[in-house]
Amino acid sequence: EWDAVELPSQFMENWLYDKTTMEMI
């Protein structure tokens, strides 16, 4: 369903505010 298709994409954006992830990228 079109209004659910953005779930994985917007989910991934949250990792930019994780310290360990920031150290990796």
PDBML (XML) file of the C-alpha atoms, coordinates in Angstrom:
<?xml version="1.0" encoding="UTF-8" ?>
<PDBx:datablock datablockName="MODEL"
   xmlns:PDBx="http://pdbml.pdb.org/schema/pdbx-v50.xsd"
   xmlns:xsi="http://www.w3.org/2001/XMLSchema-instance"
   xsi:schemaLocation="http://pdbml.pdb.org/schema/pdbx-v50.xsd pdbx-v50.xsd">
   <PDBx:atom_siteCategory>
      <PDBx:atom_site id="1">
         <PDBx:B_iso_or_equiv>0.00</PDBx:B_iso_or_equiv>
         <PDBx:Cartn_x>0.000</PDBx:Cartn_x>
         <PDBx:Cartn_y>0.000</PDBx:Cartn_y>
         <PDBx:Cartn_z>0.000</PDBx:Cartn_z>
         <PDBx:auth_asym_id>A</PDBx:auth_asym_id>
         <PDBx:auth_atom_id>CA</PDBx:auth_atom_id>
         <PDBx:auth_comp_id>GLU</PDBx:auth_comp_id>
         <PDBx:auth_seq_id>1</PDBx:auth_seq_id>
         <PDBx:group_PDB>ATOM</PDBx:group_PDB>
         <PDBx:label_alt_id xsi:nil="true" />
         <PDBx:label_asym_id>A</PDBx:label_asym_id>
         <PDBx:label_atom_id>CA</PDBx:label_atom_id>
         <PDBx:label_comp_id>GLU</PDBx:label_comp_id>
         <PDBx:label_entity_id>1</PDBx:label_entity_id>
         <PDBx:label_seq_id>1</PDBx:label_seq_id>
         <PDBx:occupancy>1.00</PDBx:occupancy>
         <PDBx:pdbx_PDB_model_num>1</PDBx:pdbx_PDB_model_num>
         <PDBx:type_symbol>C</PDBx:type_symbol>
      </PDBx:atom_site>
      <PDBx:atom_site id="2">
         <PDBx:B_iso_or_equiv>0.00</PDBx:B_iso_or_equiv>
         <PDBx:Cartn_x>1.381</PDBx:Cartn_x>
         <PDBx:Cartn_y>3.359</PDBx:Cartn_y>
         <PDBx:Cartn_z>-1.110</PDBx:Cartn_z>
         <PDBx:auth_asym_id>A</PDBx:auth_asym_id>
         <PDBx:auth_atom_id>CA</PDBx:auth_atom_id>
         <PDBx:auth_comp_id>TRP</PDBx:auth_comp_id>
         <PDBx:auth_seq_id>2</PDBx:auth_seq_id>
         <PDBx:group_PDB>ATOM</PDBx:group_PDB>
         <PDBx:label_alt_id xsi:nil="true" />
         <PDBx:label_asym_id>A</PDBx:label_asym_id>
         <PDBx:label_atom_id>CA</PDBx:label_atom_id>
         <PDBx:label_comp_id>TRP</PDBx:label_comp_id>
         <PDBx:label_entity_id>1</PDBx:label_entity_id>
         <PDBx:label_seq_id>2</PDBx:label_seq_id>
         <PDBx:occupancy>1.00</PDBx:occupancy>
         <PDBx:pdbx_PDB_model_num>1</PDBx:pdbx_PDB_model_num>
         <PDBx:type_symbol>C</PDBx:type_symbol>
      </PDBx:atom_site>
      <PDBx:atom_site id="3">
         <PDBx:B_iso_or_equiv>0.00</PDBx:B_iso_or_equiv>
         <PDBx:Cartn_x>1.073</PDBx:Cartn_x>
         <PDBx:Cartn_y>4.987</PDBx:Cartn_y>
         <PDBx:Cartn_z>2.303</PDBx:Cartn_z>
         <PDBx:auth_asym_id>A</PDBx:auth_asym_id>
         <PDBx:auth_atom_id>CA</PDBx:auth_atom_id>
         <PDBx:auth_comp_id>ASP</PDBx:auth_comp_id>
         <PDBx:auth_seq_id>3</PDBx:auth_seq_id>
         <PDBx:group_PDB>ATOM</PDBx:group_PDB>
         <PDBx:label_alt_id xsi:nil="true" />
         <PDBx:label_asym_id>A</PDBx:label_asym_id>
         <PDBx:label_atom_id>CA</PDBx:label_atom_id>
         <PDBx:label_comp_id>ASP</PDBx:label_comp_id>
         <PDBx:label_entity_id>1</PDBx:label_entity_id>
         <PDBx:label_seq_id>3</PDBx:label_seq_id>
         <PDBx:occupancy>1.00</PDBx:occupancy>
         <PDBx:pdbx_PDB_model_num>1</PDBx:pdbx_PDB_model_num>
         <PDBx:type_symbol>C</PDBx:type_symbol>
      </PDBx:atom_site>
      <PDBx:atom_site id="4">
         <PDBx:B_iso_or_equiv>0.00</PDBx:B_iso_or_equiv>
         <PDBx:Cartn_x>3.270</PDBx:Cartn_x>
         <PDBx:Cartn_y>2.268</PDBx:Cartn_y>
         <PDBx:Cartn_z>3.826</PDBx:Cartn_z>
         <PDBx:auth_asym_id>A</PDBx:auth_asym_id>
         <PDBx:auth_atom_id>CA</PDBx:auth_atom_id>
         <PDBx:auth_comp_id>ALA</PDBx:auth_comp_id>
         <PDBx:auth_seq_id>4</PDBx:auth_seq_id>
         <PDBx:group_PDB>ATOM</PDBx:group_PDB>
         <PDBx:label_alt_id xsi:nil="true" />
         <PDBx:label_asym_id>A</PDBx:label_asym_id>
         <PDBx:label_atom_id>CA</PDBx:label_atom_id>
         <PDBx:label_comp_id>ALA</PDBx:label_comp_id>
         <PDBx:label_entity_id>1</PDBx:label_entity_id>
         <PDBx:label_seq_id>4</PDBx:label_seq_id>
         <PDBx:occupancy>1.00</PDBx:occupancy>
         <PDBx:pdbx_PDB_model_num>1</PDBx:pdbx_PDB_model_num>
         <PDBx:type_symbol>C</PDBx:type_symbol>
      </PDBx:atom_site>
      <PDBx:atom_site id="5">
         <PDBx:B_iso_or_equiv>0.00</PDBx:B_iso_or_equiv>
         <PDBx:Cartn_x>5.976</PDBx:Cartn_x>
         <PDBx:Cartn_y>2.197</PDBx:Cartn_y>
         <PDBx:Cartn_z>1.175</PDBx:Cartn_z>
         <PDBx:auth_asym_id>A</PDBx:auth_asym_id>
         <PDBx:auth_atom_id>CA</PDBx:auth_atom_id>
         <PDBx:auth_comp_id>VAL</PDBx:auth_comp_id>
         <PDBx:auth_seq_id>5</PDBx:auth_seq_id>
         <PDBx:group_PDB>ATOM</PDBx:group_PDB>
         <PDBx:label_alt_id xsi:nil="true" />
         <PDBx:label_asym_id>A</PDBx:label_asym_id>
         <PDBx:label_atom_id>CA</PDBx:label_atom_id>
         <PDBx:label_comp_id>VAL</PDBx:label_comp_id>
         <PDBx:label_entity_id>1</PDBx:label_entity_id>
         <PDBx:label_seq_id>5</PDBx:label_seq_id>
         <PDBx:occupancy>1.00</PDBx:occupancy>
         <PDBx:pdbx_PDB_model_num>1</PDBx:pdbx_PDB_model_num>
         <PDBx:type_symbol>C</PDBx:type_symbol>
      </PDBx:atom_site>
      <PDBx:atom_site id="6">
         <PDBx:B_iso_or_equiv>0.00</PDBx:B_iso_or_equiv>
         <PDBx:Cartn_x>8.016</PDBx:Cartn_x>
         <PDBx:Cartn_y>4.933</PDBx:Cartn_y>
         <PDBx:Cartn_z>2.899</PDBx:Cartn_z>
         <PDBx:auth_asym_id>A</PDBx:auth_asym_id>
         <PDBx:auth_atom_id>CA</PDBx:auth_atom_id>
         <PDBx:auth_comp_id>GLU</PDBx:auth_comp_id>
         <PDBx:auth_seq_id>6</PDBx:auth_seq_id>
         <PDBx:group_PDB>ATOM</PDBx:group_PDB>
         <PDBx:label_alt_id xsi:nil="true" />
         <PDBx:label_asym_id>A</PDBx:label_asym_id>
         <PDBx:label_atom_id>CA</PDBx:label_atom_id>
         <PDBx:label_comp_id>GLU</PDBx:label_comp_id>
         <PDBx:label_entity_id>1</PDBx:label_entity_id>
         <PDBx:label_seq_id>6</PDBx:label_seq_id>
         <PDBx:occupancy>1.00</PDBx:occupancy>
         <PDBx:pdbx_PDB_model_num>1</PDBx:pdbx_PDB_model_num>
         <PDBx:type_symbol>C</PDBx:type_symbol>
      </PDBx:atom_site>
      <PDBx:atom_site id="7">
         <PDBx:B_iso_or_equiv>0.00</PDBx:B_iso_or_equiv>
         <PDBx:Cartn_x>8.393</PDBx:Cartn_x>
         <PDBx:Cartn_y>2.942</PDBx:Cartn_y>
         <PDBx:Cartn_z>6.125</PDBx:Cartn_z>
         <PDBx:auth_asym_id>A</PDBx:auth_asym_id>
         <PDBx:auth_atom_id>CA</PDBx:auth_atom_id>
         <PDBx:auth_comp_id>LEU</PDBx:auth_comp_id>
         <PDBx:auth_seq_id>7</PDBx:auth_seq_id>
         <PDBx:group_PDB>ATOM</PDBx:group_PDB>
         <PDBx:label_alt_id xsi:nil="true" />
         <PDBx:label_asym_id>A</PDBx:label_asym_id>
         <PDBx:label_atom_id>CA</PDBx:label_atom_id>
         <PDBx:label_comp_id>LEU</PDBx:label_comp_id>
         <PDBx:label_entity_id>1</PDBx:label_entity_id>
         <PDBx:label_seq_id>7</PDBx:label_seq_id>
         <PDBx:occupancy>1.00</PDBx:occupancy>
         <PDBx:pdbx_PDB_model_num>1</PDBx:pdbx_PDB_model_num>
         <PDBx:type_symbol>C</PDBx:type_symbol>
      </PDBx:atom_site>
      <PDBx:atom_site id="8">
         <PDBx:B_iso_or_equiv>0.00</PDBx:B_iso_or_equiv>
         <PDBx:Cartn_x>11.826</PDBx:Cartn_x>
         <PDBx:Cartn_y>1.352</PDBx:Cartn_y>
         <PDBx:Cartn_z>5.404</PDBx:Cartn_z>
         <PDBx:auth_asym_id>A</PDBx:auth_asym_id>
         <PDBx:auth_atom_id>CA</PDBx:auth_atom_id>
         <PDBx:auth_comp_id>PRO</PDBx:auth_comp_id>
         <PDBx:auth_seq_id>8</PDBx:auth_seq_id>
         <PDBx:group_PDB>ATOM</PDBx:group_PDB>
         <PDBx:label_alt_id xsi:nil="true" />
         <PDBx:label_asym_id>A</PDBx:label_asym_id>
         <PDBx:label_atom_id>CA</PDBx:label_atom_id>
         <PDBx:label_comp_id>PRO</PDBx:label_comp_id>
         <PDBx:label_entity_id>1</PDBx:label_entity_id>
         <PDBx:label_seq_id>8</PDBx:label_seq_id>
         <PDBx:occupancy>1.00</PDBx:occupancy>
         <PDBx:pdbx_PDB_model_num>1</PDBx:pdbx_PDB_model_num>
         <PDBx:type_symbol>C</PDBx:type_symbol>
      </PDBx:atom_site>
      <PDBx:atom_site id="9">
         <PDBx:B_iso_or_equiv>0.00</PDBx:B_iso_or_equiv>
         <PDBx:Cartn_x>13.218</PDBx:Cartn_x>
         <PDBx:Cartn_y>4.522</PDBx:Cartn_y>
         <PDBx:Cartn_z>3.840</PDBx:Cartn_z>
         <PDBx:auth_asym_id>A</PDBx:auth_asym_id>
         <PDBx:auth_atom_id>CA</PDBx:auth_atom_id>
         <PDBx:auth_comp_id>SER</PDBx:auth_comp_id>
         <PDBx:auth_seq_id>9</PDBx:auth_seq_id>
         <PDBx:group_PDB>ATOM</PDBx:group_PDB>
         <PDBx:label_alt_id xsi:nil="true" />
         <PDBx:label_asym_id>A</PDBx:label_asym_id>
         <PDBx:label_atom_id>CA</PDBx:label_atom_id>
         <PDBx:label_comp_id>SER</PDBx:label_comp_id>
         <PDBx:label_entity_id>1</PDBx:label_entity_id>
         <PDBx:label_seq_id>9</PDBx:label_seq_id>
         <PDBx:occupancy>1.00</PDBx:occupancy>
         <PDBx:pdbx_PDB_model_num>1</PDBx:pdbx_PDB_model_num>
         <PDBx:type_symbol>C</PDBx:type_symbol>
      </PDBx:atom_site>
      <PDBx:atom_site id="10">
         <PDBx:B_iso_or_equiv>0.00</PDBx:B_iso_or_equiv>
         <PDBx:Cartn_x>12.282</PDBx:Cartn_x>
         <PDBx:Cartn_y>6.840</PDBx:Cartn_y>
         <PDBx:Cartn_z>6.692</PDBx:Cartn_z>
         <PDBx:auth_asym_id>A</PDBx:auth_asym_id>
         <PDBx:auth_atom_id>CA</PDBx:auth_atom_id>
         <PDBx:auth_comp_id>GLN</PDBx:auth_comp_id>
         <PDBx:auth_seq_id>10</PDBx:auth_seq_id>
         <PDBx:group_PDB>ATOM</PDBx:group_PDB>
         <PDBx:label_alt_id xsi:nil="true" />
         <PDBx:label_asym_id>A</PDBx:label_asym_id>
         <PDBx:label_atom_id>CA</PDBx:label_atom_id>
         <PDBx:label_comp_id>GLN</PDBx:label_comp_id>
         <PDBx:label_entity_id>1</PDBx:label_entity_id>
         <PDBx:label_seq_id>10</PDBx:label_seq_id>
         <PDBx:occupancy>1.00</PDBx:occupancy>
         <PDBx:pdbx_PDB_model_num>1</PDBx:pdbx_PDB_model_num>
         <PDBx:type_symbol>C</PDBx:type_symbol>
      </PDBx:atom_site>
      <PDBx:atom_site id="11">
         <PDBx:B_iso_or_equiv>0.00</PDBx:B_iso_or_equiv>
         <PDBx:Cartn_x>13.312</PDBx:Cartn_x>
         <PDBx:Cartn_y>4.166</PDBx:Cartn_y>
         <PDBx:Cartn_z>9.195</PDBx:Cartn_z>
         <PDBx:auth_asym_id>A</PDBx:auth_asym_id>
         <PDBx:auth_atom_id>CA</PDBx:auth_atom_id>
         <PDBx:auth_comp_id>PHE</PDBx:auth_comp_id>
         <PDBx:auth_seq_id>11</PDBx:auth_seq_id>
         <PDBx:group_PDB>ATOM</PDBx:group_PDB>
         <PDBx:label_alt_id xsi:nil="true" />
         <PDBx:label_asym_id>A</PDBx:label_asym_id>
         <PDBx:label_atom_id>CA</PDBx:label_atom_id>
         <PDBx:label_comp_id>PHE</PDBx:label_comp_id>
         <PDBx:label_entity_id>1</PDBx:label_entity_id>
         <PDBx:label_seq_id>11</PDBx:label_seq_id>
         <PDBx:occupancy>1.00</PDBx:occupancy>
         <PDBx:pdbx_PDB_model_num>1</PDBx:pdbx_PDB_model_num>
         <PDBx:type_symbol>C</PDBx:type_symbol>
      </PDBx:atom_site>
      <PDBx:atom_site id="12">
         <PDBx:B_iso_or_equiv>0.00</PDBx:B_iso_or_equiv>
         <PDBx:Cartn_x>16.869</PDBx:Cartn_x>
         <PDBx:Cartn_y>4.256</PDBx:Cartn_y>
         <PDBx:Cartn_z>7.841</PDBx:Cartn_z>
         <PDBx:auth_asym_id>A</PDBx:auth_asym_id>
         <PDBx:auth_atom_id>CA</PDBx:auth_atom_id>
         <PDBx:auth_comp_id>MET</PDBx:auth_comp_id>
         <PDBx:auth_seq_id>12</PDBx:auth_seq_id>
         <PDBx:group_PDB>ATOM</PDBx:group_PDB>
         <PDBx:label_alt_id xsi:nil="true" />
         <PDBx:label_asym_id>A</PDBx:label_asym_id>
         <PDBx:label_atom_id>CA</PDBx:label_atom_id>
         <PDBx:label_comp_id>MET</PDBx:label_comp_id>
         <PDBx:label_entity_id>1</PDBx:label_entity_id>
         <PDBx:label_seq_id>12</PDBx:label_seq_id>
         <PDBx:occupancy>1.00</PDBx:occupancy>
         <PDBx:pdbx_PDB_model_num>1</PDBx:pdbx_PDB_model_num>
         <PDBx:type_symbol>C</PDBx:type_symbol>
      </PDBx:atom_site>
      <PDBx:atom_site id="13">
         <PDBx:B_iso_or_equiv>0.00</PDBx:B_iso_or_equiv>
         <PDBx:Cartn_x>17.159</PDBx:Cartn_x>
         <PDBx:Cartn_y>8.024</PDBx:Cartn_y>
         <PDBx:Cartn_z>8.371</PDBx:Cartn_z>
         <PDBx:auth_asym_id>A</PDBx:auth_asym_id>
         <PDBx:auth_atom_id>CA</PDBx:auth_atom_id>
         <PDBx:auth_comp_id>GLU</PDBx:auth_comp_id>
         <PDBx:auth_seq_id>13</PDBx:auth_seq_id>
         <PDBx:group_PDB>ATOM</PDBx:group_PDB>
         <PDBx:label_alt_id xsi:nil="true" />
         <PDBx:label_asym_id>A</PDBx:label_asym_id>
         <PDBx:label_atom_id>CA</PDBx:label_atom_id>
         <PDBx:label_comp_id>GLU</PDBx:label_comp_id>
         <PDBx:label_entity_id>1</PDBx:label_entity_id>
         <PDBx:label_seq_id>13</PDBx:label_seq_id>
         <PDBx:occupancy>1.00</PDBx:occupancy>
         <PDBx:pdbx_PDB_model_num>1</PDBx:pdbx_PDB_model_num>
         <PDBx:type_symbol>C</PDBx:type_symbol>
      </PDBx:atom_site>
      <PDBx:atom_site id="14">
         <PDBx:B_iso_or_equiv>0.00</PDBx:B_iso_or_equiv>
         <PDBx:Cartn_x>16.977</PDBx:Cartn_x>
         <PDBx:Cartn_y>7.514</PDBx:Cartn_y>
         <PDBx:Cartn_z>12.156</PDBx:Cartn_z>
         <PDBx:auth_asym_id>A</PDBx:auth_asym_id>
         <PDBx:auth_atom_id>CA</PDBx:auth_atom_id>
         <PDBx:auth_comp_id>ASN</PDBx:auth_comp_id>
         <PDBx:auth_seq_id>14</PDBx:auth_seq_id>
         <PDBx:group_PDB>ATOM</PDBx:group_PDB>
         <PDBx:label_alt_id xsi:nil="true" />
         <PDBx:label_asym_id>A</PDBx:label_asym_id>
         <PDBx:label_atom_id>CA</PDBx:label_atom_id>
         <PDBx:label_comp_id>ASN</PDBx:label_comp_id>
         <PDBx:label_entity_id>1</PDBx:label_entity_id>
         <PDBx:label_seq_id>14</PDBx:label_seq_id>
         <PDBx:occupancy>1.00</PDBx:occupancy>
         <PDBx:pdbx_PDB_model_num>1</PDBx:pdbx_PDB_model_num>
         <PDBx:type_symbol>C</PDBx:type_symbol>
      </PDBx:atom_site>
      <PDBx:atom_site id="15">
         <PDBx:B_iso_or_equiv>0.00</PDBx:B_iso_or_equiv>
         <PDBx:Cartn_x>20.384</PDBx:Cartn_x>
         <PDBx:Cartn_y>5.832</PDBx:Cartn_y>
         <PDBx:Cartn_z>12.205</PDBx:Cartn_z>
         <PDBx:auth_asym_id>A</PDBx:auth_asym_id>
         <PDBx:auth_atom_id>CA</PDBx:auth_atom_id>
         <PDBx:auth_comp_id>TRP</PDBx:auth_comp_id>
         <PDBx:auth_seq_id>15</PDBx:auth_seq_id>
         <PDBx:group_PDB>ATOM</PDBx:group_PDB>
         <PDBx:label_alt_id xsi:nil="true" />
         <PDBx:label_asym_id>A</PDBx:label_asym_id>
         <PDBx:label_atom_id>CA</PDBx:label_atom_id>
         <PDBx:label_comp_id>TRP</PDBx:label_comp_id>
         <PDBx:label_entity_id>1</PDBx:label_entity_id>
         <PDBx:label_seq_id>15</PDBx:label_seq_id>
         <PDBx:occupancy>1.00</PDBx:occupancy>
         <PDBx:pdbx_PDB_model_num>1</PDBx:pdbx_PDB_model_num>
         <PDBx:type_symbol>C</PDBx:type_symbol>
      </PDBx:atom_site>
      <PDBx:atom_site id="16">
         <PDBx:B_iso_or_equiv>0.00</PDBx:B_iso_or_equiv>
         <PDBx:Cartn_x>22.136</PDBx:Cartn_x>
         <PDBx:Cartn_y>9.124</PDBx:Cartn_y>
         <PDBx:Cartn_z>11.517</PDBx:Cartn_z>
         <PDBx:auth_asym_id>A</PDBx:auth_asym_id>
         <PDBx:auth_atom_id>CA</PDBx:auth_atom_id>
         <PDBx:auth_comp_id>LEU</PDBx:auth_comp_id>
         <PDBx:auth_seq_id>16</PDBx:auth_seq_id>
         <PDBx:group_PDB>ATOM</PDBx:group_PDB>
         <PDBx:label_alt_id xsi:nil="true" />
         <PDBx:label_asym_id>A</PDBx:label_asym_id>
         <PDBx:label_atom_id>CA</PDBx:label_atom_id>
         <PDBx:label_comp_id>LEU</PDBx:label_comp_id>
         <PDBx:label_entity_id>1</PDBx:label_entity_id>
         <PDBx:label_seq_id>16</PDBx:label_seq_id>
         <PDBx:occupancy>1.00</PDBx:occupancy>
         <PDBx:pdbx_PDB_model_num>1</PDBx:pdbx_PDB_model_num>
         <PDBx:type_symbol>C</PDBx:type_symbol>
      </PDBx:atom_site>
      <PDBx:atom_site id="17">
         <PDBx:B_iso_or_equiv>0.00</PDBx:B_iso_or_equiv>
         <PDBx:Cartn_x>21.468</PDBx:Cartn_x>
         <PDBx:Cartn_y>10.053</PDBx:Cartn_y>
         <PDBx:Cartn_z>15.146</PDBx:Cartn_z>
         <PDBx:auth_asym_id>A</PDBx:auth_asym_id>
         <PDBx:auth_atom_id>CA</PDBx:auth_atom_id>
         <PDBx:auth_comp_id>TYR</PDBx:auth_comp_id>
         <PDBx:auth_seq_id>17</PDBx:auth_seq_id>
         <PDBx:group_PDB>ATOM</PDBx:group_PDB>
         <PDBx:label_alt_id xsi:nil="true" />
         <PDBx:label_asym_id>A</PDBx:label_asym_id>
         <PDBx:label_atom_id>CA</PDBx:label_atom_id>
         <PDBx:label_comp_id>TYR</PDBx:label_comp_id>
         <PDBx:label_entity_id>1</PDBx:label_entity_id>
         <PDBx:label_seq_id>17</PDBx:label_seq_id>
         <PDBx:occupancy>1.00</PDBx:occupancy>
         <PDBx:pdbx_PDB_model_num>1</PDBx:pdbx_PDB_model_num>
         <PDBx:type_symbol>C</PDBx:type_symbol>
      </PDBx:atom_site>
      <PDBx:atom_site id="18">
         <PDBx:B_iso_or_equiv>0.00</PDBx:B_iso_or_equiv>
         <PDBx:Cartn_x>23.098</PDBx:Cartn_x>
         <PDBx:Cartn_y>6.898</PDBx:Cartn_y>
         <PDBx:Cartn_z>16.513</PDBx:Cartn_z>
         <PDBx:auth_asym_id>A</PDBx:auth_asym_id>
         <PDBx:auth_atom_id>CA</PDBx:auth_atom_id>
         <PDBx:auth_comp_id>ASP</PDBx:auth_comp_id>
         <PDBx:auth_seq_id>18</PDBx:auth_seq_id>
         <PDBx:group_PDB>ATOM</PDBx:group_PDB>
         <PDBx:label_alt_id xsi:nil="true" />
         <PDBx:label_asym_id>A</PDBx:label_asym_id>
         <PDBx:label_atom_id>CA</PDBx:label_atom_id>
         <PDBx:label_comp_id>ASP</PDBx:label_comp_id>
         <PDBx:label_entity_id>1</PDBx:label_entity_id>
         <PDBx:label_seq_id>18</PDBx:label_seq_id>
         <PDBx:occupancy>1.00</PDBx:occupancy>
         <PDBx:pdbx_PDB_model_num>1</PDBx:pdbx_PDB_model_num>
         <PDBx:type_symbol>C</PDBx:type_symbol>
      </PDBx:atom_site>
      <PDBx:atom_site id="19">
         <PDBx:B_iso_or_equiv>0.00</PDBx:B_iso_or_equiv>
         <PDBx:Cartn_x>26.633</PDBx:Cartn_x>
         <PDBx:Cartn_y>7.552</PDBx:Cartn_y>
         <PDBx:Cartn_z>17.765</PDBx:Cartn_z>
         <PDBx:auth_asym_id>A</PDBx:auth_asym_id>
         <PDBx:auth_atom_id>CA</PDBx:auth_atom_id>
         <PDBx:auth_comp_id>LYS</PDBx:auth_comp_id>
         <PDBx:auth_seq_id>19</PDBx:auth_seq_id>
         <PDBx:group_PDB>ATOM</PDBx:group_PDB>
         <PDBx:label_alt_id xsi:nil="true" />
         <PDBx:label_asym_id>A</PDBx:label_asym_id>
         <PDBx:label_atom_id>CA</PDBx:label_atom_id>
         <PDBx:label_comp_id>LYS</PDBx:label_comp_id>
         <PDBx:label_entity_id>1</PDBx:label_entity_id>
         <PDBx:label_seq_id>19</PDBx:label_seq_id>
         <PDBx:occupancy>1.00</PDBx:occupancy>
         <PDBx:pdbx_PDB_model_num>1</PDBx:pdbx_PDB_model_num>
         <PDBx:type_symbol>C</PDBx:type_symbol>
      </PDBx:atom_site>
      <PDBx:atom_site id="20">
         <PDBx:B_iso_or_equiv>0.00</PDBx:B_iso_or_equiv>
         <PDBx:Cartn_x>28.087</PDBx:Cartn_x>
         <PDBx:Cartn_y>4.225</PDBx:Cartn_y>
         <PDBx:Cartn_z>16.603</PDBx:Cartn_z>
         <PDBx:auth_asym_id>A</PDBx:auth_asym_id>
         <PDBx:auth_atom_id>CA</PDBx:auth_atom_id>
         <PDBx:auth_comp_id>THR</PDBx:auth_comp_id>
         <PDBx:auth_seq_id>20</PDBx:auth_seq_id>
         <PDBx:group_PDB>ATOM</PDBx:group_PDB>
         <PDBx:label_alt_id xsi:nil="true" />
         <PDBx:label_asym_id>A</PDBx:label_asym_id>
         <PDBx:label_atom_id>CA</PDBx:label_atom_id>
         <PDBx:label_comp_id>THR</PDBx:label_comp_id>
         <PDBx:label_entity_id>1</PDBx:label_entity_id>
         <PDBx:label_seq_id>20</PDBx:label_seq_id>
         <PDBx:occupancy>1.00</PDBx:occupancy>
         <PDBx:pdbx_PDB_model_num>1</PDBx:pdbx_PDB_model_num>
         <PDBx:type_symbol>C</PDBx:type_symbol>
      </PDBx:atom_site>
      <PDBx:atom_site id="21">
         <PDBx:B_iso_or_equiv>0.00</PDBx:B_iso_or_equiv>
         <PDBx:Cartn_x>26.618</PDBx:Cartn_x>
         <PDBx:Cartn_y>4.645</PDBx:Cartn_y>
         <PDBx:Cartn_z>13.143</PDBx:Cartn_z>
         <PDBx:auth_asym_id>A</PDBx:auth_asym_id>
         <PDBx:auth_atom_id>CA</PDBx:auth_atom_id>
         <PDBx:auth_comp_id>THR</PDBx:auth_comp_id>
         <PDBx:auth_seq_id>21</PDBx:auth_seq_id>
         <PDBx:group_PDB>ATOM</PDBx:group_PDB>
         <PDBx:label_alt_id xsi:nil="true" />
         <PDBx:label_asym_id>A</PDBx:label_asym_id>
         <PDBx:label_atom_id>CA</PDBx:label_atom_id>
         <PDBx:label_comp_id>THR</PDBx:label_comp_id>
         <PDBx:label_entity_id>1</PDBx:label_entity_id>
         <PDBx:label_seq_id>21</PDBx:label_seq_id>
         <PDBx:occupancy>1.00</PDBx:occupancy>
         <PDBx:pdbx_PDB_model_num>1</PDBx:pdbx_PDB_model_num>
         <PDBx:type_symbol>C</PDBx:type_symbol>
      </PDBx:atom_site>
      <PDBx:atom_site id="22">
         <PDBx:B_iso_or_equiv>0.00</PDBx:B_iso_or_equiv>
         <PDBx:Cartn_x>27.960</PDBx:Cartn_x>
         <PDBx:Cartn_y>8.201</PDBx:Cartn_y>
         <PDBx:Cartn_z>12.923</PDBx:Cartn_z>
         <PDBx:auth_asym_id>A</PDBx:auth_asym_id>
         <PDBx:auth_atom_id>CA</PDBx:auth_atom_id>
         <PDBx:auth_comp_id>MET</PDBx:auth_comp_id>
         <PDBx:auth_seq_id>22</PDBx:auth_seq_id>
         <PDBx:group_PDB>ATOM</PDBx:group_PDB>
         <PDBx:label_alt_id xsi:nil="true" />
         <PDBx:label_asym_id>A</PDBx:label_asym_id>
         <PDBx:label_atom_id>CA</PDBx:label_atom_id>
         <PDBx:label_comp_id>MET</PDBx:label_comp_id>
         <PDBx:label_entity_id>1</PDBx:label_entity_id>
         <PDBx:label_seq_id>22</PDBx:label_seq_id>
         <PDBx:occupancy>1.00</PDBx:occupancy>
         <PDBx:pdbx_PDB_model_num>1</PDBx:pdbx_PDB_model_num>
         <PDBx:type_symbol>C</PDBx:type_symbol>
      </PDBx:atom_site>
      <PDBx:atom_site id="23">
         <PDBx:B_iso_or_equiv>0.00</PDBx:B_iso_or_equiv>
         <PDBx:Cartn_x>31.431</PDBx:Cartn_x>
         <PDBx:Cartn_y>6.909</PDBx:Cartn_y>
         <PDBx:Cartn_z>13.712</PDBx:Cartn_z>
         <PDBx:auth_asym_id>A</PDBx:auth_asym_id>
         <PDBx:auth_atom_id>CA</PDBx:auth_atom_id>
         <PDBx:auth_comp_id>GLU</PDBx:auth_comp_id>
         <PDBx:auth_seq_id>23</PDBx:auth_seq_id>
         <PDBx:group_PDB>ATOM</PDBx:group_PDB>
         <PDBx:label_alt_id xsi:nil="true" />
         <PDBx:label_asym_id>A</PDBx:label_asym_id>
         <PDBx:label_atom_id>CA</PDBx:label_atom_id>
         <PDBx:label_comp_id>GLU</PDBx:label_comp_id>
         <PDBx:label_entity_id>1</PDBx:label_entity_id>
         <PDBx:label_seq_id>23</PDBx:label_seq_id>
         <PDBx:occupancy>1.00</PDBx:occupancy>
         <PDBx:pdbx_PDB_model_num>1</PDBx:pdbx_PDB_model_num>
         <PDBx:type_symbol>C</PDBx:type_symbol>
      </PDBx:atom_site>
      <PDBx:atom_site id="24">
         <PDBx:B_iso_or_equiv>0.00</PDBx:B_iso_or_equiv>
         <PDBx:Cartn_x>31.098</PDBx:Cartn_x>
         <PDBx:Cartn_y>4.414</PDBx:Cartn_y>
         <PDBx:Cartn_z>10.861</PDBx:Cartn_z>
         <PDBx:auth_asym_id>A</PDBx:auth_asym_id>
         <PDBx:auth_atom_id>CA</PDBx:auth_atom_id>
         <PDBx:auth_comp_id>MET</PDBx:auth_comp_id>
         <PDBx:auth_seq_id>24</PDBx:auth_seq_id>
         <PDBx:group_PDB>ATOM</PDBx:group_PDB>
         <PDBx:label_alt_id xsi:nil="true" />
         <PDBx:label_asym_id>A</PDBx:label_asym_id>
         <PDBx:label_atom_id>CA</PDBx:label_atom_id>
         <PDBx:label_comp_id>MET</PDBx:label_comp_id>
         <PDBx:label_entity_id>1</PDBx:label_entity_id>
         <PDBx:label_seq_id>24</PDBx:label_seq_id>
         <PDBx:occupancy>1.00</PDBx:occupancy>
         <PDBx:pdbx_PDB_model_num>1</PDBx:pdbx_PDB_model_num>
         <PDBx:type_symbol>C</PDBx:type_symbol>
      </PDBx:atom_site>
      <PDBx:atom_site id="25">
         <PDBx:B_iso_or_equiv>0.00</PDBx:B_iso_or_equiv>
         <PDBx:Cartn_x>29.869</PDBx:Cartn_x>
         <PDBx:Cartn_y>6.849</PDBx:Cartn_y>
         <PDBx:Cartn_z>8.207</PDBx:Cartn_z>
         <PDBx:auth_asym_id>A</PDBx:auth_asym_id>
         <PDBx:auth_atom_id>CA</PDBx:auth_atom_id>
         <PDBx:auth_comp_id>ILE</PDBx:auth_comp_id>
         <PDBx:auth_seq_id>25</PDBx:auth_seq_id>
         <PDBx:group_PDB>ATOM</PDBx:group_PDB>
         <PDBx:label_alt_id xsi:nil="true" />
         <PDBx:label_asym_id>A</PDBx:label_asym_id>
         <PDBx:label_atom_id>CA</PDBx:label_atom_id>
         <PDBx:label_comp_id>ILE</PDBx:label_comp_id>
         <PDBx:label_entity_id>1</PDBx:label_entity_id>
         <PDBx:label_seq_id>25</PDBx:label_seq_id>
         <PDBx:occupancy>1.00</PDBx:occupancy>
         <PDBx:pdbx_PDB_model_num>1</PDBx:pdbx_PDB_model_num>
         <PDBx:type_symbol>C</PDBx:type_symbol>
      </PDBx:atom_site>
   </PDBx:atom_siteCategory>
</PDBx:datablock>
